[in-house]
C-alpha atoms as a PDB file:
ATOM      1  CA  MET A   1     129.686  82.080 -52.641  1.00  0.00           C
ATOM      2  CA  ALA A   2     129.259  79.440 -55.329  1.00  0.00           C
ATOM      3  CA  ALA A   3     129.434  80.338 -59.008  1.00  0.00           C
ATOM      4  CA  ASP A   4     126.127  80.890 -60.792  1.00  0.00           C
ATOM      5  CA  LEU A   5     126.028  77.979 -63.250  1.00  0.00           C
ATOM      6  CA  THR A   6     124.211  78.459 -66.542  1.00  0.00           C
ATOM      7  CA  GLY A   7     125.097  75.223 -68.321  1.00  0.00           C
ATOM      8  CA  THR A   8     123.096  72.035 -68.373  1.00  0.00           C
ATOM      9  CA  TYR A   9     124.611  68.561 -68.484  1.00  0.00           C
ATOM     10  CA  LEU A  10     122.528  66.221 -70.622  1.00  0.00           C
ATOM     11  CA  THR A  11     122.540  62.992 -72.579  1.00  0.00           C
ATOM     12  CA  LEU A  12     121.505  63.429 -76.207  1.00  0.00           C
ATOM     13  CA  ASP A  13     119.016  61.109 -77.903  1.00  0.00           C
ATOM     14  CA  ASP A  14     121.927  59.190 -79.448  1.00  0.00           C
ATOM     15  CA  GLY A  15     123.398  58.557 -75.968  1.00  0.00           C
ATOM     16  CA  ARG A  16     126.296  61.019 -76.193  1.00  0.00           C
ATOM     17  CA  PRO A  17     126.963  63.332 -73.223  1.00  0.00           C
ATOM     18  CA  ALA A  18     126.840  67.100 -73.726  1.00  0.00           C
ATOM     19  CA  VAL A  19     126.797  70.452 -71.980  1.00  0.00           C
ATOM     20  CA  ARG A  20     124.426  73.129 -73.271  1.00  0.00           C
ATOM     21  CA  PHE A  21     124.225  76.876 -72.761  1.00  0.00           C
ATOM     22  CA  SER A  22     121.710  79.413 -74.019  1.00  0.00           C
ATOM     23  CA  ARG A  23     121.808  83.209 -74.033  1.00  0.00           C
ATOM     24  CA  VAL A  24     119.691  85.926 -75.616  1.00  0.00           C
ATOM     25  CA  HIS A  25     121.588  88.776 -77.253  1.00  0.00           C
ATOM     26  CA  ASP A  26     120.078  92.143 -78.169  1.00  0.00           C
ATOM     27  CA  HIS A  27     121.369  91.889 -81.733  1.00  0.00           C
ATOM     28  CA  PRO A  28     119.877  90.659 -84.988  1.00  0.00           C
ATOM     29  CA  ILE A  29     120.726  87.120 -86.012  1.00  0.00           C
ATOM     30  CA  ASP A  30     123.225  88.207 -88.703  1.00  0.00           C
ATOM     31  CA  ARG A  31     125.288  90.066 -86.085  1.00  0.00           C
ATOM     32  CA  VAL A  32     125.351  87.092 -83.709  1.00  0.00           C
ATOM     33  CA  TRP A  33     126.266  84.837 -86.655  1.00  0.00           C
ATOM     34  CA  ARG A  34     129.391  86.988 -87.137  1.00  0.00           C
ATOM     35  CA  PHE A  35     130.253  86.523 -83.434  1.00  0.00           C
ATOM     36  CA  VAL A  36     130.295  82.780 -84.188  1.00  0.00           C
ATOM     37  CA  THR A  37     131.903  82.638 -87.646  1.00  0.00           C
ATOM     38  CA  ASP A  38     134.152  85.673 -88.142  1.00  0.00           C
ATOM     39  CA  PRO A  39     137.683  84.751 -86.945  1.00  0.00           C
ATOM     40  CA  ASP A  40     138.334  88.219 -85.476  1.00  0.00           C
ATOM     41  CA  GLU A  41     134.982  88.325 -83.653  1.00  0.00           C
ATOM     42  CA  LEU A  42     135.370  84.752 -82.410  1.00  0.00           C
ATOM     43  CA  ALA A  43     138.909  85.388 -81.134  1.00  0.00           C
ATOM     44  CA  ALA A  44     137.489  87.841 -78.568  1.00  0.00           C
ATOM     45  CA  TRP A  45     135.624  85.105 -76.694  1.00  0.00           C
ATOM     46  CA  PHE A  46     136.454  81.634 -78.019  1.00  0.00           C
ATOM     47  CA  PRO A  47     139.438  79.709 -76.573  1.00  0.00           C
ATOM     48  CA  SER A  48     141.248  79.603 -79.940  1.00  0.00           C
ATOM     49  CA  ARG A  49     141.241  81.644 -83.094  1.00  0.00           C
ATOM     50  CA  ALA A  50     139.130  79.634 -85.543  1.00  0.00           C
ATOM     51  CA  GLU A  51     139.135  80.125 -89.294  1.00  0.00           C
ATOM     52  CA  PHE A  52     136.371  78.322 -91.191  1.00  0.00           C
ATOM     53  CA  ASP A  53     135.837  76.998 -94.663  1.00  0.00           C
ATOM     54  CA  LEU A  54     132.080  77.364 -94.122  1.00  0.00           C
ATOM     55  CA  ARG A  55     130.769  74.318 -95.941  1.00  0.00           C
ATOM     56  CA  PRO A  56     130.094  70.762 -94.786  1.00  0.00           C
ATOM     57  CA  GLY A  57     133.420  68.933 -94.899  1.00  0.00           C
ATOM     58  CA  GLY A  58     135.328  72.234 -94.802  1.00  0.00           C
ATOM     59  CA  THR A  59     138.359  72.697 -92.594  1.00  0.00           C
ATOM     60  CA  VAL A  60     138.442  74.679 -89.363  1.00  0.00           C
ATOM     61  CA  ARG A  61     141.910  75.898 -88.356  1.00  0.00           C
ATOM     62  CA  PHE A  62     142.456  76.517 -84.649  1.00  0.00           C
ATOM     63  CA  SER A  63     145.381  78.600 -83.384  1.00  0.00           C
ATOM     64  CA  GLY A  64     146.418  81.049 -80.697  1.00  0.00           C
ATOM     65  CA  ASP A  65     145.477  79.081 -77.572  1.00  0.00           C
ATOM     66  CA  PRO A  66     148.565  78.988 -75.316  1.00  0.00           C
ATOM     67  CA  ASN A  67     147.327  75.753 -73.719  1.00  0.00           C
ATOM     68  CA  MET A  68     146.656  73.834 -76.911  1.00  0.00           C
ATOM     69  CA  PRO A  69     148.684  73.156 -80.063  1.00  0.00           C
ATOM     70  CA  GLU A  70     147.456  74.435 -83.404  1.00  0.00           C
ATOM     71  CA  SER A  71     145.011  71.955 -84.889  1.00  0.00           C
ATOM     72  CA  THR A  72     142.284  71.455 -87.455  1.00  0.00           C
ATOM     73  CA  GLY A  73     138.704  70.309 -87.307  1.00  0.00           C
ATOM     74  CA  THR A  74     135.940  69.637 -89.785  1.00  0.00           C
ATOM     75  CA  VAL A  75     132.767  71.590 -90.450  1.00  0.00           C
ATOM     76  CA  LEU A  76     129.913  69.117 -89.986  1.00  0.00           C
ATOM     77  CA  ALA A  77     126.920  71.278 -90.935  1.00  0.00           C
ATOM     78  CA  VAL A  78     126.126  74.875 -91.891  1.00  0.00           C
ATOM     79  CA  ASP A  79     122.771  76.596 -92.290  1.00  0.00           C
ATOM     80  CA  ALA A  80     123.714  80.279 -92.264  1.00  0.00           C
ATOM     81  CA  PRO A  81     122.791  82.206 -90.177  1.00  0.00           C
ATOM     82  CA  ARG A  82     121.059  79.635 -87.979  1.00  0.00           C
ATOM     83  CA  HIS A  83     123.357  76.674 -87.422  1.00  0.00           C
ATOM     84  CA  LEU A  84     127.014  75.742 -87.429  1.00  0.00           C
ATOM     85  CA  SER A  85     128.513  72.536 -86.110  1.00  0.00           C
ATOM     86  CA  PHE A  86     132.082  71.326 -86.282  1.00  0.00           C
ATOM     87  CA  ALA A  87     134.442  68.759 -84.839  1.00  0.00           C
ATOM     88  CA  TRP A  88     137.088  70.084 -82.456  1.00  0.00           C
ATOM     89  CA  GLY A  89     139.423  67.515 -80.970  1.00  0.00           C
ATOM     90  CA  GLY A  90     137.217  64.665 -79.817  1.00  0.00           C
ATOM     91  CA  ASP A  91     134.215  66.964 -79.309  1.00  0.00           C
ATOM     92  CA  GLU A  92     131.501  68.415 -81.509  1.00  0.00           C
ATOM     93  CA  LEU A  93     130.405  72.028 -81.102  1.00  0.00           C
ATOM     94  CA  ARG A  94     126.954  73.113 -82.222  1.00  0.00           C
ATOM     95  CA  PHE A  95     125.859  76.740 -82.442  1.00  0.00           C
ATOM     96  CA  ASP A  96     122.143  77.319 -82.988  1.00  0.00           C
ATOM     97  CA  LEU A  97     120.658  80.789 -83.464  1.00  0.00           C
ATOM     98  CA  GLU A  98     116.956  81.701 -83.300  1.00  0.00           C
ATOM     99  CA  GLU A  99     115.067  84.991 -83.418  1.00  0.00           C
ATOM    100  CA  PRO A 100     112.709  85.147 -80.400  1.00  0.00           C
ATOM    101  CA  GLY A 101     111.800  88.741 -81.263  1.00  0.00           C
ATOM    102  CA  GLU A 102     112.802  91.530 -83.570  1.00  0.00           C
ATOM    103  CA  GLY A 103     116.431  92.520 -83.086  1.00  0.00           C
ATOM    104  CA  ARG A 104     117.116  89.724 -80.588  1.00  0.00           C
ATOM    105  CA  THR A 105     118.813  86.372 -81.042  1.00  0.00           C
ATOM    106  CA  ARG A 106     118.789  83.266 -78.865  1.00  0.00           C
ATOM    107  CA  PHE A 107     122.262  81.746 -79.007  1.00  0.00           C
ATOM    108  CA  THR A 108     122.571  78.099 -77.979  1.00  0.00           C
ATOM    109  CA  LEU A 109     125.911  76.325 -77.688  1.00  0.00           C
ATOM    110  CA  THR A 110     125.908  72.555 -77.328  1.00  0.00           C
ATOM    111  CA  ASN A 111     129.267  70.925 -76.660  1.00  0.00           C
ATOM    112  CA  VAL A 112     128.851  67.238 -77.483  1.00  0.00           C
ATOM    113  CA  LEU A 113     131.557  65.599 -75.416  1.00  0.00           C
ATOM    114  CA  GLY A 114     133.984  62.984 -76.627  1.00  0.00           C
ATOM    115  CA  GLU A 115     134.458  61.930 -72.991  1.00  0.00           C
ATOM    116  CA  ARG A 116     131.799  62.114 -70.282  1.00  0.00           C
ATOM    117  CA  ASN A 117     134.328  63.161 -67.601  1.00  0.00           C
ATOM    118  CA  ALA A 118     135.032  66.389 -69.547  1.00  0.00           C
ATOM    119  CA  ALA A 119     131.605  67.832 -68.665  1.00  0.00           C
ATOM    120  CA  ALA A 120     132.611  69.861 -65.577  1.00  0.00           C
ATOM    121  CA  ARG A 121     135.860  71.070 -67.166  1.00  0.00           C
ATOM    122  CA  ASN A 122     134.229  72.126 -70.423  1.00  0.00           C
ATOM    123  CA  GLY A 123     131.211  73.597 -68.660  1.00  0.00           C
ATOM    124  CA  ALA A 124     133.508  75.798 -66.579  1.00  0.00           C
ATOM    125  CA  GLY A 125     135.433  76.868 -69.650  1.00  0.00           C
ATOM    126  CA  TRP A 126     132.283  77.785 -71.558  1.00  0.00           C
ATOM    127  CA  GLU A 127     131.019  79.848 -68.622  1.00  0.00           C
ATOM    128  CA  VAL A 128     134.159  82.007 -68.930  1.00  0.00           C
ATOM    129  CA  CYS A 129     133.960  82.168 -72.733  1.00  0.00           C
ATOM    130  CA  LEU A 130     130.281  83.044 -72.831  1.00  0.00           C
ATOM    131  CA  ALA A 131     130.737  85.780 -70.215  1.00  0.00           C
ATOM    132  CA  ALA A 132     133.307  87.293 -72.600  1.00  0.00           C
ATOM    133  CA  LEU A 133     130.834  86.970 -75.492  1.00  0.00           C
ATOM    134  CA  GLU A 134     128.135  88.695 -73.419  1.00  0.00           C
ATOM    135  CA  ALA A 135     130.542  91.546 -72.628  1.00  0.00           C
ATOM    136  CA  LYS A 136     131.460  91.841 -76.312  1.00  0.00           C
ATOM    137  CA  SER A 137     127.814  91.836 -77.401  1.00  0.00           C
ATOM    138  CA  ARG A 138     127.185  94.778 -75.045  1.00  0.00           C
ATOM    139  CA  GLY A 139     130.161  96.705 -76.422  1.00  0.00           C
ATOM    140  CA  GLY A 140     132.401  95.868 -73.474  1.00  0.00           C
ATOM    141  CA  ARG A 141     135.567  93.885 -73.243  1.00  0.00           C
ATOM    142  CA  SER A 142     136.570  90.850 -71.246  1.00  0.00           C
ATOM    143  CA  GLU A 143     139.717  88.782 -71.344  1.00  0.00           C
ATOM    144  CA  GLY A 144     137.527  85.702 -71.014  1.00  0.00           C
ATOM    145  CA  PRO A 145     139.482  82.525 -71.686  1.00  0.00           C
ATOM    146  CA  HIS A 146     142.577  84.598 -72.502  1.00  0.00           C
ATOM    147  CA  ALA A 147     142.900  85.920 -68.931  1.00  0.00           C
ATOM    148  CA  GLY A 148     145.183  83.011 -68.023  1.00  0.00           C
ATOM    149  CA  PRO A 149     145.308  82.133 -64.343  1.00  0.00           C
ATOM    150  CA  THR A 150     142.982  85.009 -63.428  1.00  0.00           C
ATOM    151  CA  ALA A 151     140.074  83.555 -65.452  1.00  0.00           C
ATOM    152  CA  PRO A 152     137.411  82.378 -62.977  1.00  0.00           C
ATOM    153  CA  TRP A 153     137.115  78.876 -64.493  1.00  0.00           C
ATOM    154  CA  LYS A 154     138.210  77.132 -61.284  1.00  0.00           C
ATOM    155  CA  GLU A 155     135.270  78.552 -59.317  1.00  0.00           C
ATOM    156  CA  TYR A 156     132.903  77.329 -62.033  1.00  0.00           C
ATOM    157  CA  TYR A 157     134.634  73.964 -62.217  1.00  0.00           C
ATOM    158  CA  GLU A 158     134.272  73.411 -58.469  1.00  0.00           C
ATOM    159  CA  ALA A 159     130.594  74.380 -58.656  1.00  0.00           C
ATOM    160  CA  TYR A 160     129.956  71.933 -61.510  1.00  0.00           C
ATOM    161  CA  VAL A 161     131.722  69.153 -59.584  1.00  0.00           C
ATOM    162  CA  GLU A 162     129.685  70.002 -56.469  1.00  0.00           C
ATOM    163  CA  ALA A 163     126.515  69.839 -58.606  1.00  0.00           C
ATOM    164  CA  GLY A 164     127.409  66.272 -59.591  1.00  0.00           C
ATOM    165  CA  VAL A 165     128.431  66.959 -63.179  1.00  0.00           C
ATOM    166  CA  PRO A 166     130.923  64.327 -64.422  1.00  0.00           C
ATOM    167  CA  SER A 167     134.523  65.426 -63.880  1.00  0.00           C
ATOM    168  CA  GLY A 168     138.097  64.165 -63.847  1.00  0.00           C
ATOM    169  CA  ALA A 169     139.344  65.081 -67.338  1.00  0.00           C
ATOM    170  CA  PRO A 170     142.759  66.784 -67.448  1.00  0.00           C
ATOM    171  CA  VAL A 171     142.700  70.583 -67.593  1.00  0.00           C
ATOM    172  CA  PRO A 172     145.152  71.985 -70.193  1.00  0.00           C
ATOM    173  CA  GLY A 173     147.461  74.586 -68.700  1.00  0.00           C
ATOM    174  CA  ALA A 174     146.469  73.857 -65.105  1.00  0.00           C
ATOM    175  CA  ASP A 175     149.042  72.958 -62.529  1.00  0.00           C
ATOM    176  CA  ALA A 176     148.792  69.357 -61.411  1.00  0.00           C
END
């Protein structure tokens, strides 16, 4: 059985490739904002621990990912509690939050890709991460991207490739 894909591959108006995901959480916007910006909350579902200087031009410090070295990025834009974007490696991550109804928040993640061929790889990774965020938002727990070889990213990756999403980028931590 193929993985149920929730991401969309798209080309932005400026011509850059991206993958986009959207979820609705049964939490007010301020709570979902903490999922995105609080280092301890983020560490439960994001690939790395991220610590933010939440201002445009501020530094983001990434650590704790066994497949990636510690690094820094730059906060590109902040409009708390509705938008955060930052540079991470050669990519840009955008988190947009909207209130579709009282006590609910639409969470949209757009990963603007530095390389088109990273779409399937990153899409698969975000599927795993966002499943962990969904579990966390419901009070559950998931190892998500921290599950190592047992994380189901490969199933998602194969499904994205089969769907024609650009692929071929190296996968950190994967056996050749």
